[in-house]
């Protein structure tokens, strides 16, 4: 119908003429109560926002000459963050004279990445940022869609430890 007919019909029913798609040829309009239309649009947007989750960037700090237990504790925290769907920034901090041995940063990071290989994939390659060697990892694709329960995570961890002990025995 023509523009004038649509305006007349909208006034007759005491409603508003709302443009739905301006880019279409001819433009698409609808006769609706505008306040109700706005309310429904806001409700749709709110529902869409409810199902989205912002990923946070969590950080795990390590030292280049870290003890085995401390490393495992840091990795456990990183795994928890990854299972929650967050990005994890893993940083190796060098202090004082440790800067003379910066080769331990990439070495430690490669060890960390092998231990986290079931949970994470690199988002950004490792690089030095001042006195830190930093890399960012994200959860593997399968982890984002389904949450792994703690039992499955423990089984994966146990497999990693078994592989690690086999590597040590094989190299001796």
N, C-alpha and C. Protein backbone atom coordinates (compact mmCIF):
# COMPACT_ATOMS: atom_id res chain seq x y z
N UNK A 1 0.84 -1.18 0.00
CA UNK A 1 0.00 0.00 0.00
C UNK A 1 0.89 1.24 0.00
N UNK A 2 0.32 2.33 -0.33
CA UNK A 2 1.10 3.56 -0.42
C UNK A 2 1.39 4.11 0.97
N UNK A 3 2.30 5.06 1.00
CA UNK A 3 2.73 5.66 2.26
C UNK A 3 1.56 6.37 2.93
N UNK A 4 0.78 7.12 2.17
CA UNK A 4 -0.35 7.87 2.73
C UNK A 4 -1.41 6.93 3.30
N UNK A 5 -1.68 5.82 2.60
CA UNK A 5 -2.67 4.85 3.08
C UNK A 5 -2.20 4.23 4.40
N UNK A 6 -0.93 3.90 4.48
CA UNK A 6 -0.38 3.29 5.68
C UNK A 6 -0.47 4.24 6.87
N UNK A 7 -0.14 5.52 6.65
CA UNK A 7 -0.23 6.52 7.73
C UNK A 7 -1.67 6.69 8.18
N UNK A 8 -2.58 6.74 7.24
CA UNK A 8 -4.00 6.89 7.57
C UNK A 8 -4.50 5.69 8.38
N UNK A 9 -4.13 4.49 7.96
CA UNK A 9 -4.56 3.28 8.66
C UNK A 9 -3.98 3.23 10.08
N UNK A 10 -2.75 3.68 10.25
CA UNK A 10 -2.10 3.70 11.56
C UNK A 10 -2.81 4.68 12.49
N UNK A 11 -3.18 5.84 11.98
CA UNK A 11 -3.89 6.83 12.79
C UNK A 11 -5.27 6.32 13.17
N UNK A 12 -5.89 5.64 12.25
CA UNK A 12 -7.24 5.09 12.45
C UNK A 12 -7.24 4.08 13.61
N UNK A 13 -6.22 3.23 13.68
CA UNK A 13 -6.14 2.22 14.74
C UNK A 13 -5.43 2.74 15.98
N UNK A 14 -5.00 4.01 15.97
CA UNK A 14 -4.28 4.66 17.07
C UNK A 14 -3.00 3.91 17.43
N UNK A 15 -2.28 3.52 16.39
CA UNK A 15 -1.00 2.86 16.57
C UNK A 15 0.06 3.63 15.79
N UNK A 16 1.30 3.12 15.85
CA UNK A 16 2.42 3.79 15.19
C UNK A 16 2.84 3.01 13.95
N UNK A 17 3.39 3.75 13.00
CA UNK A 17 3.95 3.15 11.78
C UNK A 17 5.46 3.04 12.01
N UNK A 18 5.96 1.80 12.15
CA UNK A 18 7.36 1.57 12.49
C UNK A 18 8.07 0.97 11.28
N UNK A 19 9.21 1.59 10.92
CA UNK A 19 10.01 1.09 9.80
C UNK A 19 10.85 -0.09 10.28
N UNK A 20 10.65 -1.25 9.66
CA UNK A 20 11.34 -2.47 10.06
C UNK A 20 12.63 -2.64 9.26
N UNK A 21 12.56 -2.47 7.96
CA UNK A 21 13.73 -2.64 7.10
C UNK A 21 13.79 -1.49 6.11
N UNK A 22 14.68 -0.54 6.38
CA UNK A 22 14.78 0.66 5.55
C UNK A 22 15.48 0.38 4.23
N UNK A 23 16.37 -0.61 4.20
CA UNK A 23 17.17 -0.87 3.00
C UNK A 23 16.44 -1.67 1.94
N UNK A 24 15.31 -2.27 2.30
CA UNK A 24 14.57 -3.07 1.33
C UNK A 24 13.90 -2.17 0.30
N UNK A 25 13.63 -2.73 -0.86
CA UNK A 25 12.92 -1.99 -1.92
C UNK A 25 11.59 -2.65 -2.15
N UNK A 26 10.49 -2.07 -1.86
CA UNK A 26 10.24 -0.85 -1.10
C UNK A 26 10.51 -1.08 0.40
N UNK A 27 10.70 -0.01 1.17
CA UNK A 27 10.96 -0.15 2.60
C UNK A 27 9.80 -0.88 3.31
N UNK A 28 10.15 -1.71 4.29
CA UNK A 28 9.15 -2.49 5.01
C UNK A 28 8.79 -1.76 6.30
N UNK A 29 7.48 -1.56 6.51
CA UNK A 29 6.98 -0.92 7.72
C UNK A 29 5.89 -1.80 8.33
N UNK A 30 5.65 -1.57 9.61
CA UNK A 30 4.62 -2.35 10.31
C UNK A 30 3.82 -1.40 11.19
N UNK A 31 2.53 -1.69 11.31
CA UNK A 31 1.67 -0.89 12.19
C UNK A 31 1.63 -1.59 13.54
N UNK A 32 2.28 -0.97 14.56
CA UNK A 32 2.35 -1.56 15.90
C UNK A 32 2.32 -0.46 16.94
N UNK A 33 2.11 -0.88 18.19
CA UNK A 33 2.24 0.04 19.31
C UNK A 33 3.74 0.19 19.56
N UNK A 34 4.30 1.38 19.38
CA UNK A 34 5.75 1.57 19.40
C UNK A 34 6.36 1.22 20.75
N UNK A 35 5.71 1.58 21.85
CA UNK A 35 6.28 1.29 23.17
C UNK A 35 6.33 -0.23 23.39
N UNK A 36 5.33 -0.95 22.94
CA UNK A 36 5.33 -2.41 23.04
C UNK A 36 6.43 -3.01 22.16
N UNK A 37 6.60 -2.44 20.97
CA UNK A 37 7.64 -2.90 20.04
C UNK A 37 9.02 -2.72 20.66
N UNK A 38 9.29 -1.54 21.25
CA UNK A 38 10.58 -1.28 21.90
C UNK A 38 10.81 -2.25 23.05
N UNK A 39 9.77 -2.50 23.85
CA UNK A 39 9.88 -3.42 24.98
C UNK A 39 10.27 -4.82 24.49
N UNK A 40 9.63 -5.29 23.44
CA UNK A 40 9.93 -6.62 22.92
C UNK A 40 11.35 -6.69 22.36
N UNK A 41 11.81 -5.63 21.70
CA UNK A 41 13.18 -5.61 21.18
C UNK A 41 14.20 -5.66 22.31
N UNK A 42 13.95 -4.88 23.38
CA UNK A 42 14.86 -4.89 24.53
C UNK A 42 14.88 -6.26 25.19
N UNK A 43 13.72 -6.90 25.25
CA UNK A 43 13.63 -8.23 25.84
C UNK A 43 14.44 -9.25 25.03
N UNK A 44 14.37 -9.16 23.70
CA UNK A 44 15.15 -10.05 22.84
C UNK A 44 16.65 -9.83 23.05
N UNK A 45 17.08 -8.56 23.12
CA UNK A 45 18.49 -8.25 23.33
C UNK A 45 18.98 -8.76 24.68
N UNK A 46 18.16 -8.59 25.72
CA UNK A 46 18.53 -9.03 27.05
C UNK A 46 18.68 -10.55 27.08
N UNK A 47 17.77 -11.25 26.41
CA UNK A 47 17.84 -12.72 26.34
C UNK A 47 19.10 -13.17 25.61
N UNK A 48 19.46 -12.46 24.54
CA UNK A 48 20.66 -12.81 23.78
C UNK A 48 21.92 -12.58 24.62
N UNK A 49 21.95 -11.50 25.40
CA UNK A 49 23.09 -11.21 26.26
C UNK A 49 23.23 -12.22 27.39
N UNK A 50 22.12 -12.77 27.84
CA UNK A 50 22.13 -13.71 28.95
C UNK A 50 22.93 -14.97 28.60
N UNK A 51 22.90 -15.38 27.34
CA UNK A 51 23.55 -16.61 26.93
C UNK A 51 24.99 -16.42 26.47
N UNK A 52 25.47 -15.20 26.48
CA UNK A 52 26.86 -14.96 26.10
C UNK A 52 27.70 -14.83 27.37
N UNK A 53 28.98 -15.16 27.24
CA UNK A 53 29.89 -15.05 28.37
C UNK A 53 31.18 -14.41 27.89
N UNK A 54 31.61 -13.39 28.59
CA UNK A 54 32.88 -12.76 28.25
C UNK A 54 34.01 -13.60 28.82
N UNK A 55 35.01 -13.86 28.00
CA UNK A 55 36.15 -14.59 28.51
C UNK A 55 37.09 -13.59 29.18
N UNK A 56 37.58 -13.99 30.31
CA UNK A 56 38.51 -13.13 31.05
C UNK A 56 39.92 -13.62 30.78
N UNK A 57 40.87 -12.74 31.01
CA UNK A 57 42.28 -13.11 30.89
C UNK A 57 42.82 -13.29 32.29
N UNK A 58 43.15 -14.52 32.64
CA UNK A 58 43.71 -14.84 33.96
C UNK A 58 45.21 -15.05 33.79
N UNK A 59 45.96 -14.79 34.84
CA UNK A 59 47.42 -14.92 34.73
C UNK A 59 47.94 -15.93 35.74
N UNK A 60 48.90 -16.73 35.30
CA UNK A 60 49.63 -17.65 36.17
C UNK A 60 51.09 -17.24 36.07
N UNK A 61 51.69 -16.90 37.21
CA UNK A 61 53.08 -16.45 37.24
C UNK A 61 53.99 -17.59 37.68
N UNK A 62 55.07 -17.75 36.96
CA UNK A 62 56.05 -18.78 37.28
C UNK A 62 57.42 -18.14 37.36
N UNK A 63 58.36 -18.89 37.93
CA UNK A 63 59.75 -18.45 38.01
C UNK A 63 60.58 -19.39 37.15
N UNK A 64 61.69 -18.91 36.58
CA UNK A 64 62.46 -19.79 35.70
C UNK A 64 63.06 -21.00 36.42
N UNK A 65 63.34 -20.90 37.71
CA UNK A 65 63.91 -22.01 38.47
C UNK A 65 62.90 -22.49 39.50
N UNK A 66 61.69 -22.75 39.05
CA UNK A 66 60.58 -23.11 39.92
C UNK A 66 60.68 -24.58 40.34
N UNK A 67 60.25 -24.86 41.55
CA UNK A 67 60.23 -26.24 42.04
C UNK A 67 59.09 -27.02 41.39
N UNK A 68 59.22 -28.34 41.41
CA UNK A 68 58.24 -29.21 40.75
C UNK A 68 56.84 -29.03 41.34
N UNK A 69 56.75 -28.98 42.67
CA UNK A 69 55.44 -28.85 43.32
C UNK A 69 54.81 -27.49 43.00
N UNK A 70 55.60 -26.43 43.05
CA UNK A 70 55.09 -25.10 42.73
C UNK A 70 54.60 -25.04 41.28
N UNK A 71 55.33 -25.69 40.39
CA UNK A 71 54.93 -25.73 38.98
C UNK A 71 53.59 -26.45 38.84
N UNK A 72 53.45 -27.59 39.52
CA UNK A 72 52.19 -28.34 39.45
C UNK A 72 51.02 -27.52 40.01
N UNK A 73 51.27 -26.76 41.08
CA UNK A 73 50.23 -25.91 41.65
C UNK A 73 49.80 -24.85 40.64
N UNK A 74 50.77 -24.22 39.99
CA UNK A 74 50.45 -23.22 38.97
C UNK A 74 49.70 -23.82 37.80
N UNK A 75 50.10 -25.03 37.39
CA UNK A 75 49.41 -25.70 36.28
C UNK A 75 47.99 -26.08 36.66
N UNK A 76 47.78 -26.47 37.91
CA UNK A 76 46.42 -26.80 38.36
C UNK A 76 45.53 -25.57 38.29
N UNK A 77 46.07 -24.42 38.69
CA UNK A 77 45.29 -23.18 38.60
C UNK A 77 44.98 -22.85 37.14
N UNK A 78 45.97 -23.02 36.27
CA UNK A 78 45.77 -22.74 34.85
C UNK A 78 44.69 -23.66 34.27
N UNK A 79 44.72 -24.95 34.65
CA UNK A 79 43.72 -25.90 34.17
C UNK A 79 42.33 -25.49 34.62
N UNK A 80 42.22 -25.03 35.88
CA UNK A 80 40.91 -24.60 36.39
C UNK A 80 40.39 -23.42 35.58
N UNK A 81 41.27 -22.46 35.29
CA UNK A 81 40.87 -21.31 34.48
C UNK A 81 40.43 -21.74 33.09
N UNK A 82 41.19 -22.67 32.50
CA UNK A 82 40.87 -23.14 31.15
C UNK A 82 39.55 -23.89 31.13
N UNK A 83 39.29 -24.69 32.17
CA UNK A 83 38.02 -25.42 32.24
C UNK A 83 36.84 -24.48 32.40
N UNK A 84 37.10 -23.30 33.01
CA UNK A 84 36.04 -22.29 33.15
C UNK A 84 35.85 -21.51 31.85
N UNK A 85 36.73 -21.74 30.87
CA UNK A 85 36.58 -21.08 29.57
C UNK A 85 37.34 -19.78 29.44
N UNK A 86 38.25 -19.50 30.36
CA UNK A 86 39.00 -18.24 30.32
C UNK A 86 40.31 -18.40 29.55
N UNK A 87 40.79 -17.28 29.04
CA UNK A 87 42.13 -17.25 28.47
C UNK A 87 43.12 -17.20 29.63
N UNK A 88 44.30 -17.80 29.45
CA UNK A 88 45.30 -17.81 30.53
C UNK A 88 46.61 -17.25 29.99
N UNK A 89 47.12 -16.25 30.70
CA UNK A 89 48.43 -15.67 30.38
C UNK A 89 49.44 -16.33 31.31
N UNK A 90 50.36 -17.08 30.73
CA UNK A 90 51.39 -17.75 31.52
C UNK A 90 52.66 -16.94 31.38
N UNK A 91 53.18 -16.46 32.51
CA UNK A 91 54.37 -15.62 32.45
C UNK A 91 55.45 -16.16 33.36
N UNK A 92 56.67 -16.13 32.86
CA UNK A 92 57.85 -16.54 33.62
C UNK A 92 58.60 -15.26 33.96
N UNK A 93 58.66 -14.93 35.27
CA UNK A 93 59.29 -13.69 35.73
C UNK A 93 60.76 -13.93 36.06
N UNK A 94 61.60 -13.10 35.51
CA UNK A 94 63.04 -13.16 35.79
C UNK A 94 63.39 -12.04 36.76
N UNK A 95 64.15 -12.38 37.82
CA UNK A 95 64.53 -11.39 38.82
C UNK A 95 66.06 -11.31 38.88
N UNK A 96 66.56 -10.13 39.00
CA UNK A 96 67.99 -9.91 39.23
C UNK A 96 68.89 -10.66 38.28
N UNK A 97 69.75 -11.50 38.83
CA UNK A 97 70.76 -12.22 38.04
C UNK A 97 70.15 -13.31 37.15
N UNK A 98 68.89 -13.63 37.38
CA UNK A 98 68.24 -14.62 36.52
C UNK A 98 68.19 -14.15 35.07
N UNK A 99 68.28 -12.86 34.86
CA UNK A 99 68.24 -12.31 33.48
C UNK A 99 69.45 -12.78 32.67
N UNK A 100 70.48 -13.28 33.33
CA UNK A 100 71.64 -13.79 32.61
C UNK A 100 71.33 -15.15 31.97
N UNK A 101 70.24 -15.77 32.41
CA UNK A 101 69.88 -17.10 31.90
C UNK A 101 68.46 -17.08 31.34
N UNK A 102 68.23 -16.22 30.38
CA UNK A 102 66.89 -16.10 29.79
C UNK A 102 66.49 -17.31 28.96
N UNK A 103 67.43 -18.20 28.67
CA UNK A 103 67.11 -19.40 27.88
C UNK A 103 66.19 -20.35 28.65
N UNK A 104 66.10 -20.19 29.99
CA UNK A 104 65.24 -21.06 30.79
C UNK A 104 63.76 -20.70 30.63
N UNK A 105 63.45 -19.49 30.17
CA UNK A 105 62.06 -19.09 29.95
C UNK A 105 61.37 -19.94 28.88
N UNK A 106 61.91 -19.97 27.65
CA UNK A 106 61.30 -20.80 26.61
C UNK A 106 61.32 -22.29 26.96
N UNK A 107 62.38 -22.74 27.67
CA UNK A 107 62.48 -24.15 28.07
C UNK A 107 61.33 -24.51 29.01
N UNK A 108 61.12 -23.65 30.03
CA UNK A 108 60.04 -23.90 30.99
C UNK A 108 58.68 -23.81 30.30
N UNK A 109 58.55 -22.86 29.38
CA UNK A 109 57.27 -22.67 28.70
C UNK A 109 56.93 -23.89 27.84
N UNK A 110 57.93 -24.48 27.19
CA UNK A 110 57.65 -25.67 26.38
C UNK A 110 57.23 -26.84 27.28
N UNK A 111 57.83 -26.94 28.47
CA UNK A 111 57.43 -27.98 29.44
C UNK A 111 55.98 -27.74 29.88
N UNK A 112 55.65 -26.49 30.16
CA UNK A 112 54.29 -26.15 30.58
C UNK A 112 53.29 -26.50 29.47
N UNK A 113 53.64 -26.17 28.23
CA UNK A 113 52.72 -26.41 27.11
C UNK A 113 52.51 -27.91 26.89
N UNK A 114 53.54 -28.73 27.10
CA UNK A 114 53.34 -30.17 26.96
C UNK A 114 52.43 -30.70 28.05
N UNK A 115 52.55 -30.16 29.27
CA UNK A 115 51.69 -30.59 30.36
C UNK A 115 50.25 -30.11 30.20
N UNK A 116 50.08 -28.98 29.53
CA UNK A 116 48.73 -28.43 29.32
C UNK A 116 48.15 -28.81 27.95
N UNK A 117 48.83 -29.66 27.21
CA UNK A 117 48.42 -29.94 25.83
C UNK A 117 47.01 -30.52 25.73
N UNK A 118 46.51 -31.22 26.76
CA UNK A 118 45.16 -31.77 26.71
C UNK A 118 44.09 -30.71 26.96
N UNK A 119 44.48 -29.58 27.55
CA UNK A 119 43.52 -28.56 27.94
C UNK A 119 43.60 -27.30 27.09
N UNK A 120 44.80 -26.99 26.56
CA UNK A 120 45.00 -25.66 25.98
C UNK A 120 45.69 -25.73 24.63
N UNK A 121 45.49 -24.65 23.89
CA UNK A 121 46.25 -24.43 22.65
C UNK A 121 46.73 -22.99 22.68
N UNK A 122 47.87 -22.75 22.05
CA UNK A 122 48.47 -21.41 22.09
C UNK A 122 47.60 -20.41 21.34
N UNK A 123 47.39 -19.28 21.99
CA UNK A 123 46.70 -18.18 21.35
C UNK A 123 47.72 -17.19 20.81
N UNK A 124 48.82 -17.05 21.57
CA UNK A 124 49.92 -16.17 21.16
C UNK A 124 51.23 -16.85 21.53
N UNK A 125 52.16 -16.84 20.61
CA UNK A 125 53.47 -17.45 20.84
C UNK A 125 54.20 -16.74 21.98
N UNK A 126 55.11 -17.45 22.62
CA UNK A 126 55.88 -16.88 23.72
C UNK A 126 56.84 -15.81 23.23
N UNK A 127 56.99 -14.77 24.04
CA UNK A 127 57.94 -13.70 23.71
C UNK A 127 58.30 -12.95 25.00
N UNK A 128 59.41 -12.26 24.94
CA UNK A 128 59.85 -11.49 26.10
C UNK A 128 59.16 -10.13 26.11
N UNK A 129 58.66 -9.77 27.29
CA UNK A 129 58.10 -8.44 27.53
C UNK A 129 58.84 -7.91 28.76
N UNK A 130 59.94 -7.24 28.52
CA UNK A 130 60.77 -6.76 29.63
C UNK A 130 61.44 -7.93 30.32
N UNK A 131 61.14 -8.10 31.62
CA UNK A 131 61.74 -9.18 32.40
C UNK A 131 60.85 -10.42 32.44
N UNK A 132 59.84 -10.48 31.61
CA UNK A 132 58.92 -11.61 31.59
C UNK A 132 58.95 -12.31 30.24
N UNK A 133 58.80 -13.63 30.29
CA UNK A 133 58.59 -14.41 29.07
C UNK A 133 57.12 -14.83 29.12
N UNK A 134 56.32 -14.37 28.16
CA UNK A 134 54.87 -14.48 28.24
C UNK A 134 54.30 -15.22 27.04
N UNK A 135 53.29 -16.05 27.30
CA UNK A 135 52.48 -16.64 26.24
C UNK A 135 51.03 -16.66 26.73
N UNK A 136 50.11 -16.65 25.79
CA UNK A 136 48.69 -16.70 26.13
C UNK A 136 48.11 -17.97 25.51
N UNK A 137 47.35 -18.71 26.32
CA UNK A 137 46.72 -19.94 25.85
C UNK A 137 45.21 -19.83 26.01
N UNK A 138 44.53 -20.57 25.16
CA UNK A 138 43.07 -20.60 25.22
C UNK A 138 42.63 -22.04 25.38
N UNK A 139 41.40 -22.26 25.89
CA UNK A 139 40.92 -23.64 26.03
C UNK A 139 40.81 -24.31 24.66
N UNK A 140 41.04 -25.61 24.61
CA UNK A 140 40.86 -26.34 23.36
C UNK A 140 39.40 -26.27 22.95
N UNK A 141 39.13 -26.44 21.66
CA UNK A 141 37.78 -26.30 21.12
C UNK A 141 36.77 -27.17 21.86
N UNK A 142 37.10 -28.41 22.14
CA UNK A 142 36.17 -29.31 22.81
C UNK A 142 35.83 -28.88 24.22
N UNK A 143 36.76 -28.19 24.89
CA UNK A 143 36.54 -27.77 26.27
C UNK A 143 35.54 -26.62 26.36
N UNK A 144 35.44 -25.81 25.31
CA UNK A 144 34.56 -24.66 25.37
C UNK A 144 33.10 -25.10 25.33
N UNK A 145 32.80 -26.15 24.59
CA UNK A 145 31.41 -26.57 24.43
C UNK A 145 30.94 -27.48 25.56
N UNK A 146 31.83 -28.28 26.11
CA UNK A 146 31.44 -29.17 27.19
C UNK A 146 32.38 -29.00 28.36
N UNK A 147 31.85 -29.01 29.53
CA UNK A 147 32.69 -28.89 30.72
C UNK A 147 33.17 -30.28 31.09
N UNK A 148 34.45 -30.40 31.37
CA UNK A 148 35.02 -31.67 31.81
C UNK A 148 34.88 -31.70 33.33
N UNK A 149 34.34 -32.79 33.84
CA UNK A 149 34.23 -32.87 35.29
C UNK A 149 35.59 -33.18 35.90
N UNK A 150 35.67 -33.06 37.21
CA UNK A 150 36.96 -33.18 37.89
C UNK A 150 37.56 -34.57 37.74
N UNK A 151 36.72 -35.60 37.69
CA UNK A 151 37.25 -36.96 37.54
C UNK A 151 37.98 -37.11 36.21
N UNK A 152 37.38 -36.61 35.13
CA UNK A 152 38.04 -36.70 33.83
C UNK A 152 39.34 -35.90 33.83
N UNK A 153 39.34 -34.73 34.47
CA UNK A 153 40.55 -33.91 34.54
C UNK A 153 41.64 -34.66 35.31
N UNK A 154 41.25 -35.38 36.38
CA UNK A 154 42.24 -36.13 37.15
C UNK A 154 42.81 -37.28 36.33
N UNK A 155 41.97 -37.93 35.52
CA UNK A 155 42.45 -39.02 34.66
C UNK A 155 43.46 -38.49 33.66
N UNK A 156 43.16 -37.34 33.04
CA UNK A 156 44.09 -36.73 32.08
C UNK A 156 45.39 -36.36 32.78
N UNK A 157 45.28 -35.81 34.00
CA UNK A 157 46.47 -35.43 34.78
C UNK A 157 47.31 -36.66 35.09
N UNK A 158 46.65 -37.75 35.48
CA UNK A 158 47.35 -39.00 35.79
C UNK A 158 48.10 -39.52 34.57
N UNK A 159 47.47 -39.45 33.40
CA UNK A 159 48.12 -39.87 32.16
C UNK A 159 49.36 -39.03 31.89
N UNK A 160 49.26 -37.73 32.11
CA UNK A 160 50.40 -36.84 31.90
C UNK A 160 51.55 -37.23 32.83
N UNK A 161 51.25 -37.50 34.10
CA UNK A 161 52.29 -37.86 35.06
C UNK A 161 52.94 -39.19 34.68
N UNK A 162 52.12 -40.16 34.23
CA UNK A 162 52.67 -41.45 33.81
C UNK A 162 53.60 -41.27 32.62
N UNK A 163 53.20 -40.46 31.66
CA UNK A 163 54.05 -40.20 30.50
C UNK A 163 55.34 -39.52 30.91
N UNK A 164 55.26 -38.61 31.89
CA UNK A 164 56.43 -37.88 32.35
C UNK A 164 57.42 -38.83 33.03
N UNK A 165 56.92 -39.75 33.87
CA UNK A 165 57.81 -40.68 34.55
C UNK A 165 58.43 -41.66 33.56
N UNK A 166 57.66 -42.06 32.54
CA UNK A 166 58.21 -42.93 31.51
C UNK A 166 59.34 -42.24 30.74
N UNK A 167 59.16 -40.94 30.48
CA UNK A 167 60.20 -40.16 29.78
C UNK A 167 61.46 -40.09 30.64
N UNK A 168 61.32 -39.88 31.94
CA UNK A 168 62.47 -39.77 32.82
C UNK A 168 63.21 -41.11 32.90
N UNK A 169 62.45 -42.23 33.01
CA UNK A 169 63.06 -43.55 33.10
C UNK A 169 63.75 -43.91 31.80
N UNK A 170 63.14 -43.52 30.67
CA UNK A 170 63.72 -43.82 29.37
C UNK A 170 65.00 -43.06 29.10
N UNK A 171 65.14 -41.84 29.64
CA UNK A 171 66.33 -41.04 29.39
C UNK A 171 67.45 -41.37 30.35
N UNK A 172 67.17 -42.12 31.45
CA UNK A 172 68.21 -42.46 32.43
C UNK A 172 69.13 -43.53 31.94
